[in-house]
PDB file of N, CA and C in Angstrom:
ATOM      1  N   MET A   1     113.065  37.183 -72.549  1.00  0.00           N
ATOM      2  CA  MET A   1     113.569  38.037 -73.901  1.00  0.00           C
ATOM      3  C   MET A   1     113.963  37.669 -74.627  1.00  0.00           C
ATOM      4  N   LYS A   2     115.385  36.784 -74.569  1.00  0.00           N
ATOM      5  CA  LYS A   2     116.128  36.217 -75.493  1.00  0.00           C
ATOM      6  C   LYS A   2     115.091  35.009 -76.155  1.00  0.00           C
ATOM      7  N   ALA A   3     114.547  34.761 -75.630  1.00  0.00           N
ATOM      8  CA  ALA A   3     113.347  33.461 -76.545  1.00  0.00           C
ATOM      9  C   ALA A   3     112.710  34.672 -77.274  1.00  0.00           C
ATOM     10  N   HIS A   4     112.641  35.469 -77.513  1.00  0.00           N
ATOM     11  CA  HIS A   4     111.907  36.278 -78.623  1.00  0.00           C
ATOM     12  C   HIS A   4     113.394  36.522 -79.750  1.00  0.00           C
ATOM     13  N   GLY A   5     114.439  36.208 -79.275  1.00  0.00           N
ATOM     14  CA  GLY A   5     115.598  35.933 -80.607  1.00  0.00           C
ATOM     15  C   GLY A   5     115.913  37.344 -80.415  1.00  0.00           C
ATOM     16  N   ILE A   6     115.598  38.084 -79.678  1.00  0.00           N
ATOM     17  CA  ILE A   6     116.024  39.765 -79.576  1.00  0.00           C
ATOM     18  C   ILE A   6     117.700  39.663 -79.344  1.00  0.00           C
ATOM     19  N   THR A   7     118.761  40.100 -79.855  1.00  0.00           N
ATOM     20  CA  THR A   7     120.414  39.779 -79.326  1.00  0.00           C
ATOM     21  C   THR A   7     120.682  40.711 -78.366  1.00  0.00           C
ATOM     22  N   ARG A   8     122.025  40.351 -77.746  1.00  0.00           N
ATOM     23  CA  ARG A   8     122.829  41.595 -77.074  1.00  0.00           C
ATOM     24  C   ARG A   8     122.682  42.759 -77.727  1.00  0.00           C
ATOM     25  N   GLU A   9     123.130  42.520 -78.982  1.00  0.00           N
ATOM     26  CA  GLU A   9     123.552  44.025 -80.034  1.00  0.00           C
ATOM     27  C   GLU A   9     122.358  44.972 -79.586  1.00  0.00           C
ATOM     28  N   ALA A  10     121.010  44.161 -80.095  1.00  0.00           N
ATOM     29  CA  ALA A  10     119.573  44.840 -79.855  1.00  0.00           C
ATOM     30  C   ALA A  10     119.477  45.803 -78.914  1.00  0.00           C
ATOM     31  N   TYR A  11     119.837  45.454 -77.642  1.00  0.00           N
ATOM     32  CA  TYR A  11     119.701  45.983 -76.151  1.00  0.00           C
ATOM     33  C   TYR A  11     120.952  46.907 -76.225  1.00  0.00           C
ATOM     34  N   GLN A  12     121.803  46.939 -76.581  1.00  0.00           N
ATOM     35  CA  GLN A  12     122.658  47.886 -76.830  1.00  0.00           C
ATOM     36  C   GLN A  12     122.450  48.935 -77.388  1.00  0.00           C
ATOM     37  N   ASN A  13     121.559  48.660 -78.491  1.00  0.00           N
ATOM     38  CA  ASN A  13     121.225  49.882 -79.257  1.00  0.00           C
ATOM     39  C   ASN A  13     120.080  50.651 -78.839  1.00  0.00           C
ATOM     40  N   VAL A  14     118.883  49.458 -77.929  1.00  0.00           N
ATOM     41  CA  VAL A  14     118.410  50.407 -77.518  1.00  0.00           C
ATOM     42  C   VAL A  14     118.585  51.515 -76.182  1.00  0.00           C
ATOM     43  N   LEU A  15     119.715  50.881 -75.639  1.00  0.00           N
ATOM     44  CA  LEU A  15     120.060  51.369 -74.961  1.00  0.00           C
ATOM     45  C   LEU A  15     121.363  52.752 -74.893  1.00  0.00           C
ATOM     46  N   GLY A  16     121.418  52.457 -76.422  1.00  0.00           N
ATOM     47  CA  GLY A  16     122.360  53.851 -76.802  1.00  0.00           C
ATOM     48  C   GLY A  16     124.296  53.634 -76.173  1.00  0.00           C
ATOM     49  N   LEU A  17     123.903  52.226 -75.565  1.00  0.00           N
ATOM     50  CA  LEU A  17     125.331  51.767 -74.901  1.00  0.00           C
ATOM     51  C   LEU A  17     126.162  51.452 -76.250  1.00  0.00           C
ATOM     52  N   GLU A  18     127.591  52.032 -76.117  1.00  0.00           N
ATOM     53  CA  GLU A  18     128.638  51.888 -77.573  1.00  0.00           C
ATOM     54  C   GLU A  18     129.649  50.761 -76.838  1.00  0.00           C
ATOM     55  N   SER A  19     129.355  50.231 -78.030  1.00  0.00           N
ATOM     56  CA  SER A  19     130.124  48.578 -77.886  1.00  0.00           C
ATOM     57  C   SER A  19     131.311  48.893 -77.863  1.00  0.00           C
ATOM     58  N   SER A  20     132.258  49.893 -77.593  1.00  0.00           N
ATOM     59  CA  SER A  20     133.553  50.085 -77.431  1.00  0.00           C
ATOM     60  C   SER A  20     133.814  50.298 -75.926  1.00  0.00           C
ATOM     61  N   THR A  21     132.839  50.866 -75.407  1.00  0.00           N
ATOM     62  CA  THR A  21     132.596  50.607 -73.767  1.00  0.00           C
ATOM     63  C   THR A  21     132.867  49.498 -73.003  1.00  0.00           C
ATOM     64  N   VAL A  22     132.063  48.395 -74.049  1.00  0.00           N
ATOM     65  CA  VAL A  22     131.766  47.261 -73.433  1.00  0.00           C
ATOM     66  C   VAL A  22     132.932  46.311 -73.634  1.00  0.00           C
ATOM     67  N   ALA A  23     133.479  46.530 -74.928  1.00  0.00           N
ATOM     68  CA  ALA A  23     134.600  45.807 -75.122  1.00  0.00           C
ATOM     69  C   ALA A  23     135.900  46.522 -74.538  1.00  0.00           C
ATOM     70  N   GLU A  24     136.012  47.707 -73.927  1.00  0.00           N
ATOM     71  CA  GLU A  24     136.679  48.001 -72.851  1.00  0.00           C
ATOM     72  C   GLU A  24     136.880  47.470 -71.705  1.00  0.00           C
ATOM     73  N   TYR A  25     135.144  47.742 -71.292  1.00  0.00           N
ATOM     74  CA  TYR A  25     135.326  46.746 -70.072  1.00  0.00           C
ATOM     75  C   TYR A  25     135.200  45.451 -69.734  1.00  0.00           C
ATOM     76  N   ASN A  26     135.735  44.708 -70.903  1.00  0.00           N
ATOM     77  CA  ASN A  26     135.836  43.447 -70.651  1.00  0.00           C
ATOM     78  C   ASN A  26     136.721  43.097 -70.737  1.00  0.00           C
ATOM     79  N   SER A  27     137.875  43.739 -70.721  1.00  0.00           N
ATOM     80  CA  SER A  27     139.283  43.360 -70.948  1.00  0.00           C
ATOM     81  C   SER A  27     139.714  43.839 -69.117  1.00  0.00           C
ATOM     82  N   LYS A  28     140.720  43.180 -69.213  1.00  0.00           N
ATOM     83  CA  LYS A  28     141.686  42.924 -67.950  1.00  0.00           C
ATOM     84  C   LYS A  28     142.377  44.367 -67.425  1.00  0.00           C
ATOM     85  N   ALA A  29     142.170  45.589 -68.303  1.00  0.00           N
ATOM     86  CA  ALA A  29     142.974  46.823 -68.097  1.00  0.00           C
ATOM     87  C   ALA A  29     142.361  47.613 -67.613  1.00  0.00           C
ATOM     88  N   VAL A  30     140.899  47.704 -67.050  1.00  0.00           N
ATOM     89  CA  VAL A  30     140.178  48.488 -66.889  1.00  0.00           C
ATOM     90  C   VAL A  30     140.647  49.156 -65.977  1.00  0.00           C
ATOM     91  N   THR A  31     140.841  50.451 -65.545  1.00  0.00           N
ATOM     92  CA  THR A  31     141.172  51.245 -64.120  1.00  0.00           C
ATOM     93  C   THR A  31     140.249  51.706 -63.710  1.00  0.00           C
ATOM     94  N   ARG A  32     140.103  51.957 -62.347  1.00  0.00           N
ATOM     95  CA  ARG A  32     139.297  52.682 -61.796  1.00  0.00           C
ATOM     96  C   ARG A  32     138.749  54.353 -62.328  1.00  0.00           C
ATOM     97  N   GLU A  33     140.122  54.849 -62.666  1.00  0.00           N
ATOM     98  CA  GLU A  33     139.850  56.325 -63.619  1.00  0.00           C
ATOM     99  C   GLU A  33     138.450  55.392 -64.837  1.00  0.00           C
ATOM    100  N   HIS A  34     138.912  55.166 -65.669  1.00  0.00           N
ATOM    101  CA  HIS A  34     138.134  54.676 -66.303  1.00  0.00           C
ATOM    102  C   HIS A  34     136.744  54.232 -65.950  1.00  0.00           C
ATOM    103  N   ILE A  35     136.744  53.506 -65.236  1.00  0.00           N
ATOM    104  CA  ILE A  35     135.566  53.624 -64.955  1.00  0.00           C
ATOM    105  C   ILE A  35     134.224  54.320 -64.778  1.00  0.00           C
ATOM    106  N   PHE A  36     135.253  55.597 -64.081  1.00  0.00           N
ATOM    107  CA  PHE A  36     134.712  56.720 -63.474  1.00  0.00           C
ATOM    108  C   PHE A  36     134.195  57.697 -64.742  1.00  0.00           C
ATOM    109  N   LEU A  37     135.438  57.931 -65.592  1.00  0.00           N
ATOM    110  CA  LEU A  37     135.275  58.622 -66.738  1.00  0.00           C
ATOM    111  C   LEU A  37     134.437  58.288 -67.535  1.00  0.00           C
ATOM    112  N   HIS A  38     133.832  56.847 -67.661  1.00  0.00           N
ATOM    113  CA  HIS A  38     132.451  56.324 -68.249  1.00  0.00           C
ATOM    114  C   HIS A  38     131.316  55.565 -67.442  1.00  0.00           C
ATOM    115  N   GLY A  39     131.550  56.766 -66.514  1.00  0.00           N
ATOM    116  CA  GLY A  39     130.213  56.086 -65.675  1.00  0.00           C
ATOM    117  C   GLY A  39     128.903  55.945 -66.002  1.00  0.00           C
ATOM    118  N   PRO A  40     128.544  56.639 -66.686  1.00  0.00           N
ATOM    119  CA  PRO A  40     126.886  56.522 -67.074  1.00  0.00           C
ATOM    120  C   PRO A  40     127.001  55.288 -68.200  1.00  0.00           C
ATOM    121  N   GLN A  41     127.992  54.770 -69.003  1.00  0.00           N
ATOM    122  CA  GLN A  41     128.106  53.626 -69.925  1.00  0.00           C
ATOM    123  C   GLN A  41     127.837  52.788 -69.053  1.00  0.00           C
ATOM    124  N   TYR A  42     128.510  52.691 -67.797  1.00  0.00           N
ATOM    125  CA  TYR A  42     128.691  50.998 -67.302  1.00  0.00           C
ATOM    126  C   TYR A  42     127.389  51.518 -66.441  1.00  0.00           C
ATOM    127  N   ALA A  43     127.107  52.608 -65.764  1.00  0.00           N
ATOM    128  CA  ALA A  43     125.226  52.091 -65.257  1.00  0.00           C
ATOM    129  C   ALA A  43     124.197  51.547 -66.589  1.00  0.00           C
ATOM    130  N   LYS A  44     124.359  52.077 -67.535  1.00  0.00           N
ATOM    131  CA  LYS A  44     123.395  51.227 -68.867  1.00  0.00           C
ATOM    132  C   LYS A  44     123.875  49.910 -68.647  1.00  0.00           C
ATOM    133  N   TYR A  45     125.592  49.657 -68.483  1.00  0.00           N
ATOM    134  CA  TYR A  45     125.566  48.232 -68.761  1.00  0.00           C
ATOM    135  C   TYR A  45     125.138  47.556 -67.862  1.00  0.00           C
ATOM    136  N   LEU A  46     124.758  47.811 -66.234  1.00  0.00           N
ATOM    137  CA  LEU A  46     124.760  47.028 -65.201  1.00  0.00           C
ATOM    138  C   LEU A  46     122.653  47.041 -65.489  1.00  0.00           C
ATOM    139  N   TYR A  47     122.257  47.935 -65.890  1.00  0.00           N
ATOM    140  CA  TYR A  47     120.738  48.243 -65.945  1.00  0.00           C
ATOM    141  C   TYR A  47     120.415  47.001 -67.024  1.00  0.00           C
ATOM    142  N   PHE A  48     121.385  46.529 -68.257  1.00  0.00           N
ATOM    143  CA  PHE A  48     121.143  46.042 -69.643  1.00  0.00           C
ATOM    144  C   PHE A  48     121.098  44.684 -68.768  1.00  0.00           C
ATOM    145  N   ASP A  49     121.903  44.217 -68.221  1.00  0.00           N
ATOM    146  CA  ASP A  49     122.423  42.973 -67.256  1.00  0.00           C
ATOM    147  C   ASP A  49     121.932  42.824 -66.555  1.00  0.00           C
ATOM    148  N   LYS A  50     121.291  43.618 -65.240  1.00  0.00           N
ATOM    149  CA  LYS A  50     120.821  43.246 -64.031  1.00  0.00           C
ATOM    150  C   LYS A  50     119.171  43.467 -64.583  1.00  0.00           C
ATOM    151  N   TYR A  51     118.238  44.310 -64.733  1.00  0.00           N
ATOM    152  CA  TYR A  51     117.190  44.744 -64.808  1.00  0.00           C
ATOM    153  C   TYR A  51     116.456  43.864 -65.915  1.00  0.00           C
ATOM    154  N   LEU A  52     117.217  43.285 -67.701  1.00  0.00           N
ATOM    155  CA  LEU A  52     116.798  43.195 -68.342  1.00  0.00           C
ATOM    156  C   LEU A  52     116.796  41.503 -68.309  1.00  0.00           C
ATOM    157  N   GLU A  53     117.670  40.898 -67.620  1.00  0.00           N
ATOM    158  CA  GLU A  53     117.843  40.008 -66.926  1.00  0.00           C
ATOM    159  C   GLU A  53     118.463  38.991 -68.454  1.00  0.00           C
ATOM    160  N   TYR A  54     119.329  39.659 -69.043  1.00  0.00           N
ATOM    161  CA  TYR A  54     119.958  38.884 -70.461  1.00  0.00           C
ATOM    162  C   TYR A  54     121.213  38.700 -69.971  1.00  0.00           C
ATOM    163  N   GLU A  55     121.598  37.115 -69.377  1.00  0.00           N
ATOM    164  CA  GLU A  55     122.755  36.732 -68.735  1.00  0.00           C
ATOM    165  C   GLU A  55     124.227  37.084 -69.725  1.00  0.00           C
ATOM    166  N   GLY A  56     124.987  37.285 -69.454  1.00  0.00           N
ATOM    167  CA  GLY A  56     126.746  37.284 -70.116  1.00  0.00           C
ATOM    168  C   GLY A  56     127.276  38.211 -69.023  1.00  0.00           C
ATOM    169  N   SER A  57     126.711  38.755 -68.115  1.00  0.00           N
ATOM    170  CA  SER A  57     128.225  39.569 -67.325  1.00  0.00           C
ATOM    171  C   SER A  57     127.884  40.276 -66.480  1.00  0.00           C
ATOM    172  N   SER A  58     126.918  39.581 -65.051  1.00  0.00           N
ATOM    173  CA  SER A  58     126.924  39.718 -63.822  1.00  0.00           C
ATOM    174  C   SER A  58     128.402  39.130 -63.348  1.00  0.00           C
ATOM    175  N   SER A  59     129.018  38.018 -63.534  1.00  0.00           N
ATOM    176  CA  SER A  59     129.939  37.766 -62.743  1.00  0.00           C
ATOM    177  C   SER A  59     131.296  38.958 -63.249  1.00  0.00           C
ATOM    178  N   ASP A  60     131.299  39.176 -64.398  1.00  0.00           N
ATOM    179  CA  ASP A  60     131.858  40.235 -64.689  1.00  0.00           C
ATOM    180  C   ASP A  60     131.964  41.893 -63.775  1.00  0.00           C
ATOM    181  N   LEU A  61     130.424  41.554 -63.753  1.00  0.00           N
ATOM    182  CA  LEU A  61     129.949  43.394 -63.079  1.00  0.00           C
ATOM    183  C   LEU A  61     130.260  43.161 -61.130  1.00  0.00           C
ATOM    184  N   ARG A  62     130.457  41.494 -60.852  1.00  0.00           N
ATOM    185  CA  ARG A  62     130.649  41.475 -59.598  1.00  0.00           C
ATOM    186  C   ARG A  62     132.102  42.187 -59.376  1.00  0.00           C
ATOM    187  N   LYS A  63     133.100  41.661 -60.269  1.00  0.00           N
ATOM    188  CA  LYS A  63     134.752  41.423 -60.228  1.00  0.00           C
ATOM    189  C   LYS A  63     135.031  42.809 -60.380  1.00  0.00           C
ATOM    190  N   TRP A  64     133.913  44.055 -61.454  1.00  0.00           N
ATOM    191  CA  TRP A  64     134.159  45.166 -61.354  1.00  0.00           C
ATOM    192  C   TRP A  64     133.846  45.825 -60.224  1.00  0.00           C
ATOM    193  N   ALA A  65     133.346  45.103 -59.151  1.00  0.00           N
ATOM    194  CA  ALA A  65     132.535  46.225 -58.124  1.00  0.00           C
ATOM    195  C   ALA A  65     133.821  45.684 -57.113  1.00  0.00           C
ATOM    196  N   LEU A  66     134.349  44.443 -57.287  1.00  0.00           N
ATOM    197  CA  LEU A  66     135.171  44.361 -55.946  1.00  0.00           C
ATOM    198  C   LEU A  66     136.364  44.647 -56.596  1.00  0.00           C
ATOM    199  N   ARG A  67     136.832  44.746 -57.729  1.00  0.00           N
ATOM    200  CA  ARG A  67     137.664  45.944 -57.773  1.00  0.00           C
ATOM    201  C   ARG A  67     137.984  47.140 -57.778  1.00  0.00           C
ATOM    202  N   LEU A  68     136.517  48.102 -57.633  1.00  0.00           N
ATOM    203  CA  LEU A  68     136.562  49.140 -57.422  1.00  0.00           C
ATOM    204  C   LEU A  68     135.797  49.548 -55.807  1.00  0.00           C
ATOM    205  N   PHE A  69     136.081  48.668 -55.467  1.00  0.00           N
ATOM    206  CA  PHE A  69     135.772  48.978 -53.962  1.00  0.00           C
ATOM    207  C   PHE A  69     136.889  48.326 -52.930  1.00  0.00           C
ATOM    208  N   LYS A  70     137.751  47.745 -53.898  1.00  0.00           N
ATOM    209  CA  LYS A  70     139.016  47.089 -52.085  1.00  0.00           C
ATOM    210  C   LYS A  70     139.683  48.133 -52.251  1.00  0.00           C
ATOM    211  N   VAL A  71     139.669  47.525 -50.675  1.00  0.00           N
ATOM    212  CA  VAL A  71     140.417  48.819 -49.844  1.00  0.00           C
ATOM    213  C   VAL A  71     142.310  48.292 -50.351  1.00  0.00           C
ATOM    214  N   ASN A  72     142.691  49.293 -50.706  1.00  0.00           N
ATOM    215  CA  ASN A  72     144.081  49.459 -50.713  1.00  0.00           C
ATOM    216  C   ASN A  72     145.121  49.075 -49.497  1.00  0.00           C
ATOM    217  N   GLU A  73     145.938  47.737 -49.458  1.00  0.00           N
ATOM    218  CA  GLU A  73     146.829  47.765 -48.247  1.00  0.00           C
ATOM    219  C   GLU A  73     147.846  48.053 -48.383  1.00  0.00           C
TER     220      GLU A  73
END
């Protein structure tokens, strides 16, 4: 898809993904409460990265999942 010159921003627009949510997601200050509050946006972000095969956020998503499901010690 990138070979056709389609930008990441174009995919975000097609999905209706709010760029402010992505910016917040990429910060290290994202909390569990923030993730659940913006659940539909994160689901779109995951779809955007995984199923449209547009690289860039997979490692961030893994970090997010670890943070979300980590057992409190």
